[in-house]
Amino acid sequence: MPQGSLEVFLVNAKGLENTDYLCNMDPYVILICRTQEQKSSVASGQGSEPEWNEAFVFNVSEGVSDLRLKIMDSDSTTAHDLVGEATIPLDGLFIEGNIPPTSYNVVKDGHYCGEIRIGLTFTPQDRSERCPEENFGGWKESGYRD
């Protein structure tokens, strides 16, 4: 299983379903990579066509297979509304190392509700940094002699 760093470049979204009926929504994105969670800035008043152009870095370890994105609408007086979600499988990225900005479907309750565009880069951790076997020790280095 790959280990290393995942860089996510959050570009923009298009065609999002506006959750604010009286004005433009203020979308932001929660990026989730297994147990790590990061949040974009709020695209104030940008409605269904927000632009972020922000980069995020996650540490990838055993068991990471996808990146989840939750698009939310920031509301000052009520609870933030879920606009939609996207799940991006990372298997191809681990092989290729880089996926240029690509659009992914945003869904809510099984229905299409827009697209989000992100770029991905995976930098594998050097195996010698990860597990230098000669430093683990063992029976040869334990000092035990016949």
C-alpha atoms as a PDB file:
ATOM      1  CA  MET A   1       0.000   0.000   0.000  1.00  0.00           C
ATOM      2  CA  PRO A   2       1.403   3.405  -0.899  1.00  0.00           C
ATOM      3  CA  GLN A   3       2.625   5.840   1.699  1.00  0.00           C
ATOM      4  CA  GLY A   4       3.596   9.439   1.075  1.00  0.00           C
ATOM      5  CA  SER A   5       1.953  12.814   0.601  1.00  0.00           C
ATOM      6  CA  LEU A   6      -1.172  13.697  -1.312  1.00  0.00           C
ATOM      7  CA  GLU A   7      -1.456  17.241  -2.634  1.00  0.00           C
ATOM      8  CA  VAL A   8      -4.942  18.355  -3.577  1.00  0.00           C
ATOM      9  CA  PHE A   9      -5.424  21.473  -5.682  1.00  0.00           C
ATOM     10  CA  LEU A  10      -9.024  22.648  -5.265  1.00  0.00           C
ATOM     11  CA  VAL A  11      -9.836  24.699  -8.353  1.00  0.00           C
ATOM     12  CA  ASN A  12     -13.565  25.437  -8.599  1.00  0.00           C
ATOM     13  CA  ALA A  13     -17.081  24.057  -8.864  1.00  0.00           C
ATOM     14  CA  LYS A  14     -19.797  24.518 -11.487  1.00  0.00           C
ATOM     15  CA  GLY A  15     -23.523  24.012 -11.628  1.00  0.00           C
ATOM     16  CA  LEU A  16     -23.954  23.528  -7.888  1.00  0.00           C
ATOM     17  CA  GLU A  17     -27.494  23.499  -6.600  1.00  0.00           C
ATOM     18  CA  ASN A  18     -28.038  26.791  -4.740  1.00  0.00           C
ATOM     19  CA  THR A  19     -29.209  26.061  -1.197  1.00  0.00           C
ATOM     20  CA  ASP A  20     -29.935  29.734  -0.426  1.00  0.00           C
ATOM     21  CA  TYR A  21     -33.197  30.808  -1.994  1.00  0.00           C
ATOM     22  CA  LEU A  22     -32.966  34.533  -1.309  1.00  0.00           C
ATOM     23  CA  CYS A  23     -29.297  35.136  -2.187  1.00  0.00           C
ATOM     24  CA  ASN A  24     -26.140  33.471  -3.486  1.00  0.00           C
ATOM     25  CA  MET A  25     -24.761  30.730  -1.284  1.00  0.00           C
ATOM     26  CA  ASP A  26     -21.312  30.922   0.316  1.00  0.00           C
ATOM     27  CA  PRO A  27     -19.751  27.520  -0.462  1.00  0.00           C
ATOM     28  CA  TYR A  28     -16.713  25.903   1.108  1.00  0.00           C
ATOM     29  CA  VAL A  29     -15.281  22.397   0.920  1.00  0.00           C
ATOM     30  CA  ILE A  30     -14.363  19.911   3.638  1.00  0.00           C
ATOM     31  CA  LEU A  31     -11.658  17.573   2.320  1.00  0.00           C
ATOM     32  CA  ILE A  32     -11.417  14.201   4.089  1.00  0.00           C
ATOM     33  CA  CYS A  33      -8.593  11.708   3.626  1.00  0.00           C
ATOM     34  CA  ARG A  34      -9.306   8.826   6.001  1.00  0.00           C
ATOM     35  CA  THR A  35      -9.007  10.471   9.470  1.00  0.00           C
ATOM     36  CA  GLN A  36      -7.518  13.779   8.275  1.00  0.00           C
ATOM     37  CA  GLU A  37      -9.851  16.661   7.574  1.00  0.00           C
ATOM     38  CA  GLN A  38      -9.133  20.105   6.123  1.00  0.00           C
ATOM     39  CA  LYS A  39     -11.410  22.975   5.166  1.00  0.00           C
ATOM     40  CA  SER A  40     -11.193  25.454   2.300  1.00  0.00           C
ATOM     41  CA  SER A  41     -11.918  29.142   2.589  1.00  0.00           C
ATOM     42  CA  VAL A  42     -15.514  30.298   2.125  1.00  0.00           C
ATOM     43  CA  ALA A  43     -16.219  31.539  -1.412  1.00  0.00           C
ATOM     44  CA  SER A  44     -18.460  34.359  -0.166  1.00  0.00           C
ATOM     45  CA  GLY A  45     -21.356  35.211  -2.446  1.00  0.00           C
ATOM     46  CA  GLN A  46     -20.014  33.115  -5.341  1.00  0.00           C
ATOM     47  CA  GLY A  47     -23.131  30.941  -5.439  1.00  0.00           C
ATOM     48  CA  SER A  48     -23.188  27.900  -7.710  1.00  0.00           C
ATOM     49  CA  GLU A  49     -19.919  28.753  -9.569  1.00  0.00           C
ATOM     50  CA  PRO A  50     -17.314  29.199  -6.775  1.00  0.00           C
ATOM     51  CA  GLU A  51     -13.549  29.426  -7.299  1.00  0.00           C
ATOM     52  CA  TRP A  52     -11.017  28.570  -4.610  1.00  0.00           C
ATOM     53  CA  ASN A  53      -7.602  27.858  -6.204  1.00  0.00           C
ATOM     54  CA  GLU A  54      -6.254  26.454  -2.930  1.00  0.00           C
ATOM     55  CA  ALA A  55      -3.804  23.638  -2.200  1.00  0.00           C
ATOM     56  CA  PHE A  56      -3.996  21.086   0.629  1.00  0.00           C
ATOM     57  CA  VAL A  57      -1.526  18.387   1.677  1.00  0.00           C
ATOM     58  CA  PHE A  58      -2.420  15.098   3.374  1.00  0.00           C
ATOM     59  CA  ASN A  59      -0.190  12.327   4.726  1.00  0.00           C
ATOM     60  CA  VAL A  60      -1.136   9.066   3.029  1.00  0.00           C
ATOM     61  CA  SER A  61      -0.722   5.873   5.027  1.00  0.00           C
ATOM     62  CA  GLU A  62      -1.950   2.291   4.916  1.00  0.00           C
ATOM     63  CA  GLY A  63      -5.601   1.851   4.023  1.00  0.00           C
ATOM     64  CA  VAL A  64      -6.203   5.151   2.201  1.00  0.00           C
ATOM     65  CA  SER A  65      -8.222   4.425  -0.931  1.00  0.00           C
ATOM     66  CA  ASP A  66     -10.190   7.600  -1.620  1.00  0.00           C
ATOM     67  CA  LEU A  67     -10.567  11.315  -1.004  1.00  0.00           C
ATOM     68  CA  ARG A  68     -13.977  12.607   0.096  1.00  0.00           C
ATOM     69  CA  LEU A  69     -15.158  16.135  -0.573  1.00  0.00           C
ATOM     70  CA  LYS A  70     -18.161  17.666   1.158  1.00  0.00           C
ATOM     71  CA  ILE A  71     -19.378  20.951  -0.328  1.00  0.00           C
ATOM     72  CA  MET A  72     -21.107  23.040   2.289  1.00  0.00           C
ATOM     73  CA  ASP A  73     -22.955  26.366   2.285  1.00  0.00           C
ATOM     74  CA  SER A  74     -21.820  28.651   5.085  1.00  0.00           C
ATOM     75  CA  ASP A  75     -24.754  30.310   6.833  1.00  0.00           C
ATOM     76  CA  SER A  76     -24.268  32.900   9.555  1.00  0.00           C
ATOM     77  CA  THR A  77     -27.624  32.444  11.290  1.00  0.00           C
ATOM     78  CA  THR A  78     -28.515  28.788  10.697  1.00  0.00           C
ATOM     79  CA  ALA A  79     -26.670  25.464  10.432  1.00  0.00           C
ATOM     80  CA  HIS A  80     -24.416  25.077   7.411  1.00  0.00           C
ATOM     81  CA  ASP A  81     -26.171  23.241   4.575  1.00  0.00           C
ATOM     82  CA  LEU A  82     -24.752  20.248   2.715  1.00  0.00           C
ATOM     83  CA  VAL A  83     -24.665  21.110  -0.996  1.00  0.00           C
ATOM     84  CA  GLY A  84     -23.310  17.732  -2.103  1.00  0.00           C
ATOM     85  CA  GLU A  85     -20.433  15.257  -1.931  1.00  0.00           C
ATOM     86  CA  ALA A  86     -17.838  13.707  -4.211  1.00  0.00           C
ATOM     87  CA  THR A  87     -15.691  10.635  -3.588  1.00  0.00           C
ATOM     88  CA  ILE A  88     -12.520  10.291  -5.628  1.00  0.00           C
ATOM     89  CA  PRO A  89     -10.798   6.889  -5.796  1.00  0.00           C
ATOM     90  CA  LEU A  90      -7.016   7.230  -5.458  1.00  0.00           C
ATOM     91  CA  ASP A  91      -5.832   3.899  -6.929  1.00  0.00           C
ATOM     92  CA  GLY A  92      -5.051   5.433 -10.346  1.00  0.00           C
ATOM     93  CA  LEU A  93      -3.235   8.343  -8.709  1.00  0.00           C
ATOM     94  CA  PHE A  94      -0.958   5.985  -6.777  1.00  0.00           C
ATOM     95  CA  ILE A  95       0.093   4.462 -10.130  1.00  0.00           C
ATOM     96  CA  GLU A  96       0.283   7.653 -12.229  1.00  0.00           C
ATOM     97  CA  GLY A  97       1.539  10.046  -9.538  1.00  0.00           C
ATOM     98  CA  ASN A  98      -0.347  13.008 -10.976  1.00  0.00           C
ATOM     99  CA  ILE A  99      -3.880  13.717 -12.206  1.00  0.00           C
ATOM    100  CA  PRO A 100      -4.316  17.180 -13.776  1.00  0.00           C
ATOM    101  CA  PRO A 101      -7.354  19.247 -12.744  1.00  0.00           C
ATOM    102  CA  THR A 102     -10.363  17.074 -13.513  1.00  0.00           C
ATOM    103  CA  SER A 103     -14.093  17.521 -12.917  1.00  0.00           C
ATOM    104  CA  TYR A 104     -15.886  15.076 -10.609  1.00  0.00           C
ATOM    105  CA  ASN A 105     -19.634  14.727 -10.120  1.00  0.00           C
ATOM    106  CA  VAL A 106     -21.145  16.149  -6.955  1.00  0.00           C
ATOM    107  CA  VAL A 107     -24.098  14.160  -5.650  1.00  0.00           C
ATOM    108  CA  LYS A 108     -26.610  14.567  -2.858  1.00  0.00           C
ATOM    109  CA  ASP A 109     -29.081  11.835  -1.920  1.00  0.00           C
ATOM    110  CA  GLY A 110     -28.072   9.938  -5.061  1.00  0.00           C
ATOM    111  CA  HIS A 111     -28.833  12.865  -7.401  1.00  0.00           C
ATOM    112  CA  TYR A 112     -26.347  14.835  -9.522  1.00  0.00           C
ATOM    113  CA  CYS A 113     -26.027  18.418  -8.312  1.00  0.00           C
ATOM    114  CA  GLY A 114     -22.959  19.891 -10.030  1.00  0.00           C
ATOM    115  CA  GLU A 115     -19.254  19.318 -10.559  1.00  0.00           C
ATOM    116  CA  ILE A 116     -16.096  20.049  -8.606  1.00  0.00           C
ATOM    117  CA  ARG A 117     -12.701  20.412 -10.284  1.00  0.00           C
ATOM    118  CA  ILE A 118      -9.522  19.313  -8.524  1.00  0.00           C
ATOM    119  CA  GLY A 119      -5.975  18.295  -9.384  1.00  0.00           C
ATOM    120  CA  LEU A 120      -4.082  15.583  -7.483  1.00  0.00           C
ATOM    121  CA  THR A 121      -0.394  14.799  -6.970  1.00  0.00           C
ATOM    122  CA  PHE A 122       0.968  11.848  -5.013  1.00  0.00           C
ATOM    123  CA  THR A 123       4.580  11.821  -3.835  1.00  0.00           C
ATOM    124  CA  PRO A 124       5.572   8.406  -2.488  1.00  0.00           C
ATOM    125  CA  GLN A 125       7.642   8.239   0.647  1.00  0.00           C
ATOM    126  CA  ASP A 126      11.105   6.830   0.037  1.00  0.00           C
ATOM    127  CA  ARG A 127      11.156   3.222   1.228  1.00  0.00           C
ATOM    128  CA  SER A 128      14.502   3.736   2.973  1.00  0.00           C
ATOM    129  CA  GLU A 129      12.910   6.484   5.089  1.00  0.00           C
ATOM    130  CA  ARG A 130       9.886   4.323   5.839  1.00  0.00           C
ATOM    131  CA  CYS A 131      11.464   1.102   7.045  1.00  0.00           C
ATOM    132  CA  PRO A 132      15.221   0.899   7.258  1.00  0.00           C
ATOM    133  CA  GLU A 133      15.370  -2.821   7.964  1.00  0.00           C
ATOM    134  CA  GLU A 134      18.987  -2.693   9.092  1.00  0.00           C
ATOM    135  CA  ASN A 135      17.984  -0.443  11.989  1.00  0.00           C
ATOM    136  CA  PHE A 136      15.281  -2.700  13.383  1.00  0.00           C
ATOM    137  CA  GLY A 137      17.733  -4.982  15.080  1.00  0.00           C
ATOM    138  CA  GLY A 138      16.905  -8.580  15.796  1.00  0.00           C
ATOM    139  CA  TRP A 139      18.512 -11.700  17.103  1.00  0.00           C
ATOM    140  CA  LYS A 140      21.803 -10.998  15.261  1.00  0.00           C
ATOM    141  CA  GLU A 141      22.132  -7.642  17.030  1.00  0.00           C
ATOM    142  CA  SER A 142      20.692  -8.619  20.373  1.00  0.00           C
ATOM    143  CA  GLY A 143      24.071  -9.408  21.885  1.00  0.00           C
ATOM    144  CA  TYR A 144      23.181 -13.045  22.496  1.00  0.00           C
ATOM    145  CA  ARG A 145      26.104 -15.369  21.782  1.00  0.00           C
ATOM    146  CA  ASP A 146      26.380 -19.184  21.906  1.00  0.00           C
END
